[in-house]
Protein backbone atom coordinates (compact mmCIF):
# COMPACT_ATOMS: atom_id res chain seq x y z
CA MET A 1 297.20 144.54 -11.23
CA SER A 2 296.88 143.22 -7.72
CA ALA A 3 293.65 143.38 -5.61
CA ALA A 4 295.38 146.00 -3.44
CA HIS A 5 295.18 148.48 -6.34
CA PRO A 6 291.62 148.52 -7.84
CA THR A 7 291.20 149.31 -11.50
CA ARG A 8 289.52 152.50 -12.77
CA ALA A 9 286.44 150.46 -13.66
CA GLN A 10 286.22 149.05 -10.13
CA MET A 11 286.60 152.53 -8.66
CA ALA A 12 283.89 153.89 -10.94
CA GLU A 13 281.56 151.03 -10.04
CA SER A 14 282.13 151.65 -6.33
CA LEU A 15 281.46 155.39 -6.75
CA LEU A 16 278.24 154.75 -8.69
CA ALA A 17 277.07 152.36 -5.95
CA PHE A 18 277.81 155.03 -3.32
CA TRP A 19 275.76 157.62 -5.23
CA ALA A 20 272.91 155.18 -5.75
CA ASP A 21 272.79 154.44 -2.04
CA GLY A 22 272.65 158.18 -1.42
CA GLY A 23 269.58 158.55 -3.64
CA VAL A 24 271.16 159.90 -6.84
CA ASP A 25 269.03 158.80 -9.79
CA ALA A 26 270.38 160.91 -12.66
CA MET A 27 273.91 161.69 -13.74
CA LEU A 28 273.40 164.69 -16.00
CA LEU A 29 270.64 167.11 -16.98
CA ASP A 30 270.25 168.78 -20.35
CA ASP A 31 270.55 172.26 -18.82
CA PRO A 32 272.40 173.32 -15.67
CA VAL A 33 270.29 174.27 -12.64
CA ASP A 34 271.43 176.70 -9.97
CA ARG A 35 269.97 174.99 -6.91
CA ILE A 36 271.11 177.77 -4.55
CA ALA A 37 269.28 180.44 -6.53
CA ALA A 38 266.22 178.24 -6.87
CA GLY A 39 266.07 177.83 -3.11
CA ARG A 40 265.67 181.59 -2.67
CA VAL A 41 262.39 181.68 -4.65
CA LEU A 42 259.18 181.08 -2.64
CA PRO A 43 256.84 178.47 -4.11
CA PRO A 44 253.51 179.79 -5.45
CA GLN A 45 250.66 179.88 -2.94
CA ARG A 46 247.79 177.48 -3.50
CA VAL A 47 244.44 179.26 -3.74
CA THR A 48 241.74 177.21 -2.06
CA SER A 49 238.12 177.91 -1.31
CA SER A 50 237.34 178.17 2.40
CA VAL A 51 233.94 176.63 1.75
CA ALA A 52 235.48 173.63 0.02
CA ALA A 53 238.20 173.25 2.66
CA VAL A 54 235.72 173.14 5.57
CA PRO A 55 232.80 170.87 4.77
CA VAL A 56 229.57 171.92 6.42
CA ARG A 57 227.84 169.21 8.42
CA THR A 58 224.19 169.51 9.24
CA ALA A 59 222.54 167.68 12.10
CA PRO A 60 220.20 164.89 11.04
CA ARG A 61 216.65 166.10 10.84
CA GLN A 62 214.61 164.92 13.80
CA PRO A 63 211.12 163.62 13.10
CA ASP A 64 208.20 165.70 14.31
CA ILE A 65 206.44 163.45 16.80
CA SER A 66 204.30 166.07 18.55
CA ASP A 67 201.05 164.97 16.90
CA ALA A 68 201.75 161.29 17.59
CA VAL A 69 202.59 162.00 21.24
CA ALA A 70 199.41 164.06 21.65
CA LYS A 71 197.31 161.28 20.13
CA ALA A 72 199.00 158.66 22.36
CA HIS A 73 198.35 160.81 25.43
CA LYS A 74 194.67 161.22 24.53
CA LEU A 75 194.18 157.47 24.01
CA ALA A 76 196.13 156.56 27.14
CA SER A 77 194.28 159.02 29.36
CA ALA A 78 190.94 157.58 28.28
CA ALA A 79 191.91 154.03 29.30
CA GLN A 80 190.39 153.23 32.69
CA ASP A 81 191.74 149.68 33.00
CA LEU A 82 194.40 147.43 31.48
CA ASP A 83 192.08 145.88 28.91
CA THR A 84 191.09 149.23 27.42
CA LEU A 85 194.73 150.35 27.49
CA VAL A 86 195.83 147.27 25.58
CA ALA A 87 193.03 147.87 23.06
CA ALA A 88 194.06 151.52 22.66
CA ILE A 89 197.68 150.55 22.01
CA ALA A 90 196.56 147.96 19.43
CA THR A 91 194.73 150.66 17.43
CA PHE A 92 197.43 153.33 17.74
CA ASP A 93 199.10 154.12 14.41
CA GLY A 94 201.43 156.91 15.53
CA CYS A 95 204.49 154.71 16.16
CA PRO A 96 206.31 153.73 12.94
CA LEU A 97 207.46 150.46 14.51
CA ARG A 98 203.96 149.12 14.03
CA PHE A 99 204.55 149.18 10.26
CA GLU A 100 208.33 148.69 10.10
CA GLY A 101 209.33 145.90 12.44
CA ALA A 102 206.27 144.21 13.91
CA ALA A 103 205.00 141.21 11.97
CA THR A 104 201.90 140.43 14.02
CA GLN A 105 200.72 142.46 16.99
CA ALA A 106 201.39 144.89 19.80
CA VAL A 107 203.23 143.43 22.79
CA VAL A 108 202.12 145.19 25.97
CA TYR A 109 202.64 143.22 29.18
CA ARG A 110 202.50 139.93 31.04
CA GLY A 111 202.34 139.11 34.72
CA ASN A 112 200.41 140.19 37.78
CA PRO A 113 198.13 143.20 37.04
CA THR A 114 198.42 144.33 40.68
CA ALA A 115 202.11 143.58 41.09
CA PRO A 116 204.24 145.65 43.50
CA LEU A 117 207.14 145.35 41.03
CA MET A 118 207.23 146.37 37.36
CA VAL A 119 210.10 145.24 35.13
CA ILE A 120 210.63 147.44 32.08
CA GLY A 121 212.81 146.31 29.17
CA GLU A 122 213.54 148.04 25.88
CA ALA A 123 211.52 146.38 23.08
CA PRO A 124 209.94 143.12 21.89
CA GLY A 125 212.01 140.72 19.80
CA ALA A 126 211.00 138.08 17.27
CA ASP A 127 209.68 135.62 19.87
CA GLU A 128 207.73 138.35 21.63
CA ASP A 129 206.26 139.58 18.35
CA ALA A 130 205.09 136.08 17.51
CA LEU A 131 203.54 135.32 20.92
CA GLY A 132 202.31 138.78 21.87
CA LYS A 133 204.03 138.79 25.27
CA PRO A 134 207.26 140.48 26.43
CA PHE A 135 210.37 138.58 27.50
CA VAL A 136 209.48 135.10 26.23
CA GLY A 137 212.69 134.31 24.34
CA ARG A 138 216.04 133.18 25.76
CA ALA A 139 216.50 136.44 27.66
CA GLY A 140 212.97 136.16 29.04
CA LYS A 141 213.55 132.63 30.29
CA LEU A 142 216.67 133.81 32.10
CA LEU A 143 214.71 136.71 33.61
CA ASP A 144 211.96 134.34 34.78
CA ASN A 145 214.51 132.04 36.41
CA MET A 146 216.15 134.93 38.22
CA LEU A 147 212.82 136.30 39.45
CA ALA A 148 211.72 132.84 40.62
CA VAL A 149 214.91 132.25 42.59
CA ALA A 150 214.50 135.68 44.20
CA GLY A 151 210.88 134.85 45.09
CA LEU A 152 209.49 137.56 42.82
CA ASP A 153 207.90 135.55 40.01
CA ASP A 154 204.30 136.11 41.16
CA ARG A 155 204.88 139.71 42.30
CA VAL A 156 205.89 141.25 38.99
CA LEU A 157 204.45 142.72 35.80
CA ILE A 158 206.78 142.84 32.78
CA THR A 159 206.64 145.34 29.89
CA ASN A 160 208.88 147.40 27.55
CA THR A 161 209.45 151.02 26.55
CA VAL A 162 207.91 150.34 23.11
CA PHE A 163 205.21 147.85 22.17
CA TRP A 164 206.25 146.78 18.67
CA ARG A 165 209.37 145.00 17.50
CA PRO A 166 211.98 147.32 15.91
CA PRO A 167 213.36 146.18 12.53
CA GLY A 168 216.06 143.58 13.08
CA SER A 169 215.38 143.76 16.82
CA ARG A 170 217.53 146.88 17.07
CA THR A 171 217.39 149.23 20.05
CA PRO A 172 214.39 151.59 19.82
CA THR A 173 215.17 155.22 19.10
CA PRO A 174 214.41 157.99 21.61
CA ALA A 175 211.64 159.23 19.30
CA GLU A 176 210.00 155.80 19.22
CA GLN A 177 210.21 155.57 23.00
CA ALA A 178 208.78 159.08 23.39
CA VAL A 179 205.76 158.22 21.23
CA CYS A 180 205.03 155.17 23.40
CA ALA A 181 205.77 156.92 26.71
CA PRO A 182 202.17 158.08 27.40
CA PHE A 183 200.99 154.46 27.20
CA LEU A 184 203.80 153.27 29.46
CA GLU A 185 203.04 155.95 32.04
CA ARG A 186 199.35 155.03 31.94
CA LEU A 187 200.27 151.38 32.46
CA ILE A 188 202.30 152.35 35.52
CA ALA A 189 199.41 154.47 36.83
CA LEU A 190 196.90 151.62 36.43
CA VAL A 191 199.11 148.93 37.97
CA ARG A 192 200.45 151.23 40.72
CA PRO A 193 203.65 149.28 41.46
CA ARG A 194 205.86 150.23 44.36
CA ILE A 195 209.13 149.82 42.48
CA LEU A 196 210.31 149.98 38.86
CA PHE A 197 213.11 147.62 37.83
CA LEU A 198 214.75 148.78 34.57
CA ALA A 199 216.40 146.04 32.53
CA GLY A 200 219.21 147.58 30.50
CA GLY A 201 220.50 150.91 29.32
CA ALA A 202 217.70 151.78 26.85
CA PRO A 203 214.84 151.90 29.40
CA THR A 204 217.12 153.52 31.98
CA LYS A 205 217.96 156.41 29.64
CA ALA A 206 214.35 156.71 28.43
CA LEU A 207 212.73 156.92 31.86
CA LEU A 208 215.41 158.67 33.87
CA LYS A 209 216.61 161.05 31.13
CA ARG A 210 220.24 160.39 32.01
CA GLU A 211 223.18 159.60 29.76
CA GLU A 212 225.37 157.53 32.07
CA GLY A 213 226.11 153.98 31.01
CA ILE A 214 224.15 151.16 32.61
CA LEU A 215 227.30 149.70 34.19
CA SER A 216 227.71 152.87 36.25
CA MET A 217 223.99 153.26 37.08
CA ARG A 218 223.02 149.69 37.90
CA GLY A 219 222.31 148.90 41.54
CA ARG A 220 221.62 152.57 42.43
CA TRP A 221 218.23 153.75 43.67
CA ILE A 222 216.96 156.72 41.64
CA ASP A 223 213.55 158.38 41.80
CA TRP A 224 211.37 158.52 38.68
CA THR A 225 208.61 161.11 38.32
CA SER A 226 205.84 160.93 35.73
CA THR A 227 205.49 163.65 33.11
CA ASP A 228 202.50 165.23 34.85
CA GLY A 229 204.16 165.01 38.28
CA SER A 230 201.43 162.83 39.76
CA MET A 231 203.65 159.80 40.44
CA THR A 232 207.10 159.37 41.94
CA LEU A 233 208.53 155.88 42.32
CA PRO A 234 211.89 154.41 43.31
CA VAL A 235 213.75 152.92 40.35
CA LEU A 236 216.54 150.35 40.32
CA PRO A 237 218.41 150.01 37.01
CA SER A 238 220.08 146.69 36.28
CA LEU A 239 221.58 144.69 33.42
CA HIS A 240 219.45 143.33 30.59
CA PRO A 241 219.17 139.51 30.56
CA ALA A 242 220.38 139.48 26.94
CA PHE A 243 223.61 141.11 28.14
CA LEU A 244 223.93 138.45 30.83
CA LEU A 245 223.67 135.73 28.19
CA ARG A 246 226.63 137.30 26.37
CA GLN A 247 228.57 138.08 29.57
CA PRO A 248 227.80 135.33 32.13
CA ALA A 249 230.32 136.78 34.59
CA ALA A 250 228.03 139.81 35.00
CA LYS A 251 225.23 137.66 36.46
CA LYS A 252 226.64 138.24 39.94
CA HIS A 253 225.90 141.96 39.57
CA ALA A 254 222.32 141.30 38.42
CA TRP A 255 221.81 138.90 41.32
CA SER A 256 223.08 141.54 43.75
CA ASP A 257 220.56 143.99 42.27
CA LEU A 258 217.72 141.50 42.73
CA LEU A 259 218.68 140.96 46.37
CA THR A 260 218.65 144.73 46.90
CA LEU A 261 215.25 144.88 45.24
CA THR A 262 213.79 142.05 47.31
CA GLU A 263 215.04 143.58 50.53
CA ARG A 264 213.26 146.85 49.79
CA LEU A 265 210.01 145.11 48.81
CA ASP A 266 210.04 143.07 52.03
CA ARG A 267 210.76 145.84 54.50
CA PRO A 268 208.29 145.44 57.37
CA ASP A 269 207.82 149.18 57.68
CA GLU A 270 206.62 149.35 54.07
CA PRO A 271 203.78 146.80 53.79
CA LEU A 272 202.67 145.78 50.30
């Protein structure tokens, strides 16, 4: 037979290939099935438990820090100078960071005790924990260089929102910052700076109680008021030096903030 007239076997093979392409995977069943009648029957409803279907999520339990804050406030209020404040912080056991992250000692401040400018970062790191002074690592060296170029190196006191290194140098939690806040406010009261310069998002959120990102808040003057209402100071948030080490292109923004800061400190109508 010529190729123009396929055999029965060739026709059957072509038909089987057509069915296979269409998804047919069985030729015959043992019993006939009326697909039309089966389509008229609704499938059984699945019975599910509403409790199982909607898992209940509970908010993480927040630590009770009221006693620790009260103790910190009592110790801070009794400090009449920086030396007694540093000693009070060294004996304070209400902040868990003292036992979790710090290897050596409390890290309180460095710089001019009567400075018109106070720089506040977030927390000590490994270098700071070892030396007992804030901002002495790579980020601290960059901060010192920036302050020196701006003519502020001898007009500044540097501290953090917490005084012990967090485990792994992580960002301190709001609870940890709140426990240390009475000491920080007492430090501000004793130094009496004219301006607070906040380095990074963590101190900005802690002191100003605002949730905006640091990139949107940097370079903007915002007033800070102490918890008891006795102090109100202008605050300038800026970028943390550690961020500048990771993003060198952002240094121009930090430099602009320092120029703004210097201009306000040097206004002739506001003598130091």
